[in-house]
Amino acid sequence: MSEDQRPDERRLSRRKFLGSAAAGGAATLAALSGCGVGSNNDQQQTSTASVGGDTSLPEKRLKFQGAFSPKDPIFEIATEIFSFVEQLSGGRMTVEMLPAGAVVGAFDQADAVHRGILDGSQAVPAFWYGKNSALSLFGTGPAWGHDANTMLGWLEYGGGQELYEEIYRDLLKLDVVPLAYGPMPTQPLGWFNKEIKSADQFKGVKYRTVGLSIDVFKNMGASVVALPGGEIVPALERGVIDAAEYNNPASDMALGFPDVSKICMVQSYHQPAEFIEVLINRQTWEGFPEQYRSIWRVAAKAANSQMYWRTMEVYSKAYEELRDNHGVNFIKTPTDVLELQLDAWDKIIEDEGAENPFFTKVIESQKAYMRRVLDYQNKFIVGRQQAYDHFFG
């Protein structure tokens, strides 16, 4: 099944696949249950059963590059999708995961997959948003008041997946198949050489970020640069930049942020809902049997949940470690800074939409979905702070 099929065709194909799995996929189910998918045994056990008992399926050995350093916890957490792919294929499809920079620069991975230099890439869409600003809307777009799981829900049920495929296929002309998974929690405002107490203090700050967040902070008066993860801390240490955001407490600690700063500002609207992206070379994808394509789709959903569960475990422990043992002061972002960020998003939506019709197309799709879903969530889901204060405060 090609990725440009209509949604109804994809649903029929999914039902066909699931039906066949129920009839003859005992080995696949054994790989899920016997290998302990979703448990701590995932990384130690690998099923030797073939898919559906079909040993005629070809062996595939794929070469991917990630945009993350091996010392970054995201490198291990996000790559669990490849473990699921191997388990569900009975070991007949495996991925060699190379670290950032092993073959090409982190920001060049999408082009390398397009050209067939790599079979696949693992990064975030914002890394190549310079090709088309609308690409950053997939993960690092406006702060509608949502989280990353809601963003992934828009992809799955709100028409986002069709737009996601369209921008790569028709606008960027990249011969790749995109798969999104792995919700990331709201990212900190960043690490600073001095506390930001008001929106006015952002004027002239030399700041690192990526994607549309570059425009957010420019509109706030900052001087912004985009740097790969491995270059951020050295730039902070040398005074090339005054502040930077990367992703989360665990990754920030691994990269060495607490060695050069003790001030981390938390809560921000610049990247409230990012996710991980796998790009697979389209010719490679089309050479897969249909069962292998289905495995990738199912593996992405399994990795989606697993990544969220593990990040909550890893990030919360890293936060305590930084707070209690590294002297890091976590400071809540002032309200007027958050308001300035929202005003900046208004300007970005207006300016980018005037120049890029596809940008507006994505924005309108997101707004329609978010307005409905967030209205329900805000009405029905009780706030967490009061209960936390009651039991732990």
Protein backbone atom coordinates (compact mmCIF):
# COMPACT_ATOMS: atom_id res chain seq x y z
CA MET A 1 0.00 0.00 0.00
CA SER A 2 1.48 3.35 -0.97
CA GLU A 3 1.51 6.24 1.50
CA ASP A 4 -0.52 8.45 -0.85
CA GLN A 5 -3.64 6.29 -0.63
CA ARG A 6 -6.85 7.88 0.61
CA PRO A 7 -7.73 7.53 4.32
CA ASP A 8 -10.58 5.09 3.61
CA GLU A 9 -8.23 2.85 1.62
CA ARG A 10 -5.71 2.90 4.47
CA ARG A 11 -8.39 1.92 6.96
CA LEU A 12 -9.47 -1.01 4.76
CA SER A 13 -5.86 -2.10 4.45
CA ARG A 14 -5.38 -1.87 8.23
CA ARG A 15 -8.47 -4.03 8.78
CA LYS A 16 -7.17 -6.53 6.24
CA PHE A 17 -3.80 -6.65 7.99
CA LEU A 18 -5.33 -7.01 11.44
CA GLY A 19 -7.66 -9.72 10.17
CA SER A 20 -4.78 -11.71 8.74
CA ALA A 21 -2.82 -11.21 11.94
CA ALA A 22 -5.71 -12.61 13.97
CA ALA A 23 -5.97 -15.64 11.68
CA GLY A 24 -2.34 -16.54 11.32
CA GLY A 25 -0.22 -14.11 13.33
CA ALA A 26 0.39 -16.18 16.44
CA ALA A 27 4.11 -15.66 16.14
CA THR A 28 3.69 -11.88 16.01
CA LEU A 29 1.52 -11.97 19.12
CA ALA A 30 4.13 -14.17 20.79
CA ALA A 31 6.72 -11.54 19.96
CA LEU A 32 4.56 -8.96 21.70
CA SER A 33 3.67 -10.97 24.80
CA GLY A 34 6.51 -13.43 25.18
CA CYS A 35 9.17 -10.76 24.70
CA GLY A 36 7.54 -8.43 27.19
CA VAL A 37 6.88 -5.43 24.93
CA GLY A 38 6.32 -2.44 27.21
CA SER A 39 8.29 -3.99 30.06
CA ASN A 40 11.84 -3.77 31.31
CA ASN A 41 12.61 -7.01 29.48
CA ASP A 42 12.16 -5.38 26.07
CA GLN A 43 15.83 -4.64 25.58
CA GLN A 44 17.05 -8.06 26.74
CA GLN A 45 14.76 -10.36 24.78
CA THR A 46 14.26 -10.74 21.04
CA SER A 47 11.78 -13.08 19.42
CA THR A 48 13.17 -15.66 17.03
CA ALA A 49 9.75 -16.44 15.56
CA SER A 50 9.16 -15.36 12.00
CA VAL A 51 6.25 -13.13 11.06
CA GLY A 52 3.12 -15.27 10.89
CA GLY A 53 5.38 -18.27 10.54
CA ASP A 54 6.46 -17.07 7.07
CA THR A 55 10.18 -17.70 6.75
CA SER A 56 10.05 -16.64 3.09
CA LEU A 57 9.93 -12.96 4.02
CA PRO A 58 13.19 -11.25 3.08
CA GLU A 59 15.81 -10.21 5.58
CA LYS A 60 16.28 -6.43 5.72
CA ARG A 61 19.31 -4.76 7.27
CA LEU A 62 18.73 -1.01 7.33
CA LYS A 63 21.14 1.86 8.08
CA PHE A 64 19.69 4.84 9.94
CA GLN A 65 21.29 7.93 11.45
CA GLY A 66 19.91 9.76 14.46
CA ALA A 67 20.19 13.46 15.13
CA PHE A 68 21.09 12.82 18.77
CA SER A 69 24.38 12.13 20.50
CA PRO A 70 24.72 8.62 22.01
CA LYS A 71 25.17 10.26 25.43
CA ASP A 72 21.76 11.92 25.08
CA PRO A 73 19.07 9.79 26.83
CA ILE A 74 16.75 10.49 23.89
CA PHE A 75 19.09 8.43 21.70
CA GLU A 76 18.27 5.26 23.64
CA ILE A 77 14.66 6.04 24.49
CA ALA A 78 13.62 7.07 20.98
CA THR A 79 15.34 4.12 19.33
CA GLU A 80 13.12 1.56 21.05
CA ILE A 81 11.00 1.67 17.91
CA PHE A 82 13.76 -0.31 16.19
CA SER A 83 13.62 -2.99 18.88
CA PHE A 84 9.88 -3.35 18.25
CA VAL A 85 10.48 -3.60 14.49
CA GLU A 86 12.99 -6.38 15.06
CA GLN A 87 10.73 -8.26 17.47
CA LEU A 88 7.63 -8.01 15.31
CA SER A 89 9.54 -9.20 12.25
CA GLY A 90 11.01 -12.16 14.10
CA GLY A 91 14.47 -10.69 13.68
CA ARG A 92 14.23 -10.57 9.88
CA MET A 93 14.31 -6.76 9.77
CA THR A 94 16.92 -4.88 11.79
CA VAL A 95 18.17 -1.31 11.97
CA GLU A 96 21.75 -0.21 12.50
CA MET A 97 21.40 3.09 14.35
CA LEU A 98 24.27 5.51 13.78
CA PRO A 99 24.80 8.57 16.00
CA ALA A 100 24.58 12.18 14.86
CA GLY A 101 27.29 13.10 12.37
CA ALA A 102 28.37 9.53 11.62
CA VAL A 103 27.58 9.86 7.90
CA VAL A 104 26.20 13.39 7.41
CA GLY A 105 25.51 16.41 9.59
CA ALA A 106 22.39 16.23 11.77
CA PHE A 107 20.64 18.93 9.73
CA ASP A 108 21.44 17.06 6.46
CA GLN A 109 19.80 13.74 7.32
CA ALA A 110 16.56 14.28 5.38
CA ASP A 111 18.48 14.95 2.17
CA ALA A 112 20.70 11.91 2.81
CA VAL A 113 17.62 9.67 3.10
CA HIS A 114 16.15 11.21 -0.05
CA ARG A 115 19.35 10.42 -1.99
CA GLY A 116 19.61 6.91 -0.58
CA ILE A 117 22.81 7.56 1.34
CA LEU A 118 20.86 6.43 4.40
CA ASP A 119 17.88 4.08 4.54
CA GLY A 120 16.38 6.23 7.23
CA SER A 121 16.69 9.12 9.66
CA GLN A 122 15.50 9.75 13.18
CA ALA A 123 15.19 13.37 14.25
CA VAL A 124 12.50 16.06 14.55
CA PRO A 125 10.82 17.85 11.60
CA ALA A 126 12.05 21.27 12.81
CA PHE A 127 15.60 20.31 11.85
CA TRP A 128 14.79 20.95 8.17
CA TYR A 129 12.14 23.62 8.54
CA GLY A 130 14.33 25.95 6.47
CA LYS A 131 13.08 24.05 3.42
CA ASN A 132 9.50 25.15 4.16
CA SER A 133 8.34 26.98 7.29
CA ALA A 134 5.16 24.87 7.42
CA LEU A 135 7.22 21.81 8.33
CA SER A 136 7.85 23.26 11.80
CA LEU A 137 4.10 23.20 12.43
CA PHE A 138 4.52 19.45 12.84
CA GLY A 139 5.79 19.49 16.41
CA THR A 140 7.13 23.00 17.01
CA GLY A 141 4.16 25.10 15.97
CA PRO A 142 1.80 27.50 17.75
CA ALA A 143 0.91 26.94 21.40
CA TRP A 144 -2.78 26.15 21.07
CA GLY A 145 -2.84 24.98 24.70
CA HIS A 146 -2.23 21.36 23.71
CA ASP A 147 0.38 18.73 24.54
CA ALA A 148 2.32 16.40 22.25
CA ASN A 149 -0.17 13.55 22.56
CA THR A 150 -2.91 15.88 21.34
CA MET A 151 -0.69 16.90 18.43
CA LEU A 152 -0.19 13.24 17.51
CA GLY A 153 -3.96 12.79 17.80
CA TRP A 154 -4.37 15.52 15.17
CA LEU A 155 -2.01 13.59 12.90
CA GLU A 156 -3.96 10.37 13.37
CA TYR A 157 -7.56 11.63 13.36
CA GLY A 158 -7.62 15.31 12.43
CA GLY A 159 -6.20 15.16 8.90
CA GLY A 160 -2.64 15.95 9.93
CA GLN A 161 -1.06 12.78 8.50
CA GLU A 162 -2.23 13.60 4.98
CA LEU A 163 -0.74 17.09 5.27
CA TYR A 164 2.42 15.65 6.80
CA GLU A 165 2.93 13.35 3.82
CA GLU A 166 1.93 16.07 1.36
CA ILE A 167 4.60 18.53 2.46
CA TYR A 168 7.39 15.98 2.05
CA ARG A 169 6.06 14.58 -1.22
CA ASP A 170 4.69 17.60 -3.09
CA LEU A 171 6.36 20.67 -1.60
CA LEU A 172 9.81 19.50 -0.50
CA LYS A 173 10.02 16.85 -3.26
CA LEU A 174 11.81 14.50 -0.89
CA ASP A 175 11.56 10.80 -1.73
CA VAL A 176 10.83 9.80 1.88
CA VAL A 177 8.04 8.27 3.97
CA PRO A 178 7.51 10.08 7.32
CA LEU A 179 6.40 8.35 10.50
CA ALA A 180 5.68 10.39 13.64
CA TYR A 181 5.71 9.08 17.21
CA GLY A 182 7.22 9.78 20.62
CA PRO A 183 5.47 12.68 22.38
CA MET A 184 7.84 15.07 24.12
CA PRO A 185 6.60 17.08 27.11
CA THR A 186 6.68 20.88 27.07
CA GLN A 187 10.26 22.04 26.90
CA PRO A 188 11.86 24.52 29.31
CA LEU A 189 12.29 28.15 28.34
CA GLY A 190 15.98 27.37 28.61
CA TRP A 191 19.26 27.80 30.46
CA PHE A 192 20.37 31.38 31.12
CA ASN A 193 23.41 33.20 32.43
CA LYS A 194 21.01 35.32 34.50
CA GLU A 195 17.37 35.05 35.51
CA ILE A 196 14.76 36.54 33.19
CA LYS A 197 12.36 38.50 35.37
CA SER A 198 10.41 40.36 32.69
CA ALA A 199 9.69 40.28 28.97
CA ASP A 200 11.83 43.40 28.44
CA GLN A 201 14.94 41.45 29.43
CA PHE A 202 14.70 39.32 26.29
CA LYS A 203 15.77 42.23 24.13
CA GLY A 204 19.24 41.54 22.79
CA VAL A 205 19.63 38.12 24.45
CA LYS A 206 21.71 35.79 22.26
CA TYR A 207 19.60 32.65 22.26
CA ARG A 208 19.73 29.16 20.69
CA THR A 209 16.67 27.28 19.41
CA VAL A 210 15.37 25.63 16.21
CA GLY A 211 12.31 25.68 13.94
CA LEU A 212 9.62 28.33 14.20
CA SER A 213 10.84 28.99 17.74
CA ILE A 214 13.57 31.01 16.05
CA ASP A 215 10.90 33.45 14.91
CA VAL A 216 9.16 33.38 18.30
CA PHE A 217 12.26 34.61 20.09
CA LYS A 218 13.21 37.04 17.33
CA ASN A 219 9.77 38.62 17.72
CA MET A 220 10.49 38.85 21.44
CA GLY A 221 13.64 40.86 20.72
CA ALA A 222 16.27 38.14 21.06
CA SER A 223 19.18 37.51 18.70
CA VAL A 224 18.71 33.87 17.67
CA VAL A 225 20.94 31.15 16.23
CA ALA A 226 20.26 27.49 15.38
CA LEU A 227 22.91 25.06 16.62
CA PRO A 228 23.01 21.23 16.75
CA GLY A 229 22.85 19.75 20.24
CA GLY A 230 26.56 19.05 20.57
CA GLU A 231 27.52 22.68 19.91
CA ILE A 232 25.22 24.38 22.42
CA VAL A 233 27.08 24.01 25.72
CA PRO A 234 30.47 25.03 24.26
CA ALA A 235 28.81 28.13 22.82
CA LEU A 236 27.31 28.96 26.24
CA GLU A 237 30.63 28.39 27.94
CA ARG A 238 32.49 30.71 25.54
CA GLY A 239 29.81 33.41 25.77
CA VAL A 240 28.88 33.09 22.10
CA ILE A 241 25.27 32.79 23.30
CA ASP A 242 23.61 33.97 26.54
CA ALA A 243 20.91 31.32 26.74
CA ALA A 244 19.67 28.17 25.06
CA GLU A 245 16.96 25.56 25.12
CA TYR A 246 17.48 21.95 24.08
CA ASN A 247 14.81 19.53 25.28
CA ASN A 248 14.47 18.14 28.81
CA PRO A 249 16.28 17.78 32.18
CA ALA A 250 17.89 14.43 31.35
CA SER A 251 19.19 15.40 27.91
CA ASP A 252 20.25 18.83 29.15
CA MET A 253 22.21 17.25 32.02
CA ALA A 254 23.88 14.75 29.66
CA LEU A 255 24.97 17.57 27.34
CA GLY A 256 26.54 19.45 30.26
CA PHE A 257 24.21 22.42 30.75
CA PRO A 258 24.56 22.43 34.57
CA ASP A 259 28.33 22.78 34.15
CA VAL A 260 27.91 26.21 32.55
CA SER A 261 24.64 27.49 34.05
CA LYS A 262 22.70 27.11 37.27
CA ILE A 263 19.55 28.88 36.06
CA CYS A 264 16.91 26.92 34.17
CA MET A 265 13.70 28.75 33.35
CA VAL A 266 10.74 26.37 33.06
CA GLN A 267 7.33 26.54 31.36
CA SER A 268 7.21 28.02 27.89
CA TYR A 269 5.04 28.29 24.78
CA HIS A 270 7.87 28.07 22.27
CA GLN A 271 7.89 24.24 21.92
CA PRO A 272 4.96 22.83 23.86
CA ALA A 273 4.39 19.66 21.83
CA GLU A 274 7.29 18.20 19.87
CA PHE A 275 7.58 14.60 18.68
CA ILE A 276 10.13 12.25 17.12
CA GLU A 277 10.14 11.58 13.39
CA VAL A 278 11.42 8.62 11.38
CA LEU A 279 12.05 9.19 7.67
CA ILE A 280 12.45 6.11 5.46
CA ASN A 281 13.70 6.25 1.88
CA ARG A 282 10.62 5.78 -0.31
CA GLN A 283 12.22 3.21 -2.64
CA THR A 284 13.28 1.23 0.42
CA TRP A 285 9.74 1.50 1.81
CA GLU A 286 8.10 0.42 -1.43
CA GLY A 287 10.45 -2.56 -1.54
CA PHE A 288 9.04 -3.82 1.78
CA PRO A 289 6.37 -6.52 1.81
CA GLU A 290 3.08 -5.14 3.09
CA GLN A 291 3.58 -6.96 6.41
CA TYR A 292 6.81 -5.02 6.97
CA ARG A 293 5.12 -1.69 6.31
CA SER A 294 2.41 -2.64 8.78
CA ILE A 295 5.08 -3.59 11.31
CA TRP A 296 6.60 -0.11 11.06
CA ARG A 297 3.21 1.52 11.62
CA VAL A 298 2.42 -0.69 14.62
CA ALA A 299 5.94 -0.28 16.02
CA ALA A 300 5.55 3.51 15.87
CA LYS A 301 2.39 3.30 17.98
CA ALA A 302 4.04 0.96 20.50
CA ALA A 303 7.11 3.22 20.71
CA ASN A 304 4.81 6.20 21.17
CA SER A 305 3.47 4.91 24.48
CA GLN A 306 6.76 3.44 25.62
CA MET A 307 8.61 6.69 25.01
CA TYR A 308 6.11 8.73 27.02
CA TRP A 309 6.24 6.33 29.98
CA ARG A 310 10.03 6.22 29.99
CA THR A 311 10.52 9.96 29.58
CA MET A 312 8.35 10.63 32.62
CA GLU A 313 10.54 8.24 34.62
CA VAL A 314 13.87 9.52 33.29
CA TYR A 315 13.07 13.25 33.19
CA SER A 316 11.59 13.42 36.68
CA LYS A 317 14.63 11.71 38.19
CA ALA A 318 16.97 14.01 36.26
CA TYR A 319 15.04 17.03 37.54
CA GLU A 320 15.51 15.90 41.14
CA GLU A 321 19.20 15.20 40.52
CA LEU A 322 19.81 18.64 39.03
CA ARG A 323 17.83 20.39 41.75
CA ASP A 324 19.22 18.50 44.74
CA ASN A 325 22.79 17.63 43.75
CA HIS A 326 23.88 20.11 41.07
CA GLY A 327 22.60 23.36 42.54
CA VAL A 328 20.35 24.17 39.59
CA ASN A 329 17.66 26.75 40.30
CA PHE A 330 14.47 25.97 38.36
CA ILE A 331 12.53 29.22 37.99
CA LYS A 332 9.02 29.57 36.61
CA THR A 333 8.80 31.77 33.53
CA PRO A 334 7.08 35.11 34.29
CA THR A 335 3.56 35.55 32.97
CA ASP A 336 4.44 38.56 30.82
CA VAL A 337 7.09 36.48 29.00
CA LEU A 338 4.47 33.82 28.24
CA GLU A 339 2.09 36.52 26.97
CA LEU A 340 4.85 37.90 24.75
CA GLN A 341 5.37 34.42 23.30
CA LEU A 342 1.68 34.12 22.44
CA ASP A 343 1.78 37.55 20.77
CA ALA A 344 4.81 36.36 18.83
CA TRP A 345 2.86 33.34 17.59
CA ASP A 346 0.07 35.64 16.37
CA LYS A 347 2.59 37.52 14.25
CA ILE A 348 4.17 34.33 12.91
CA ILE A 349 0.80 32.91 11.87
CA GLU A 350 -0.03 36.14 10.06
CA ASP A 351 3.37 36.69 8.42
CA GLU A 352 4.07 33.10 7.37
CA GLY A 353 0.51 32.59 6.18
CA ALA A 354 0.78 35.62 3.89
CA GLU A 355 3.81 34.09 2.17
CA ASN A 356 3.01 30.37 2.33
CA PRO A 357 -0.51 29.11 1.47
CA PHE A 358 0.33 25.61 2.72
CA PHE A 359 1.27 27.09 6.09
CA THR A 360 -2.24 28.50 6.40
CA LYS A 361 -3.71 25.17 5.26
CA VAL A 362 -1.98 23.36 8.11
CA ILE A 363 -2.85 26.09 10.63
CA GLU A 364 -6.54 25.92 9.78
CA SER A 365 -6.54 22.13 10.08
CA GLN A 366 -4.88 22.31 13.49
CA LYS A 367 -7.17 25.06 14.73
CA ALA A 368 -10.32 23.12 13.81
CA TYR A 369 -9.09 20.01 15.62
CA MET A 370 -7.59 21.78 18.63
CA ARG A 371 -10.61 24.02 19.21
CA ARG A 372 -12.88 20.97 19.53
CA VAL A 373 -10.56 18.64 21.43
CA LEU A 374 -9.15 21.25 23.81
CA ASP A 375 -12.63 22.58 24.57
CA TYR A 376 -13.55 19.07 25.72
CA GLN A 377 -10.31 18.59 27.69
CA ASN A 378 -10.52 21.95 29.43
CA LYS A 379 -14.15 21.36 30.38
CA PHE A 380 -13.87 17.78 31.62
CA ILE A 381 -10.32 17.20 32.88
CA VAL A 382 -9.69 18.53 36.38
CA GLY A 383 -6.60 20.58 37.08
CA ARG A 384 -3.68 18.75 38.69
CA GLN A 385 -2.10 21.41 40.90
CA GLN A 386 -4.77 21.40 43.63
CA ALA A 387 -4.59 17.64 44.10
CA TYR A 388 -0.78 17.69 44.08
CA ASP A 389 -0.70 20.41 46.70
CA HIS A 390 -3.20 18.49 48.84
CA PHE A 391 -1.15 15.30 48.96
CA PHE A 392 2.43 16.47 48.48
CA GLY A 393 2.54 20.23 48.96
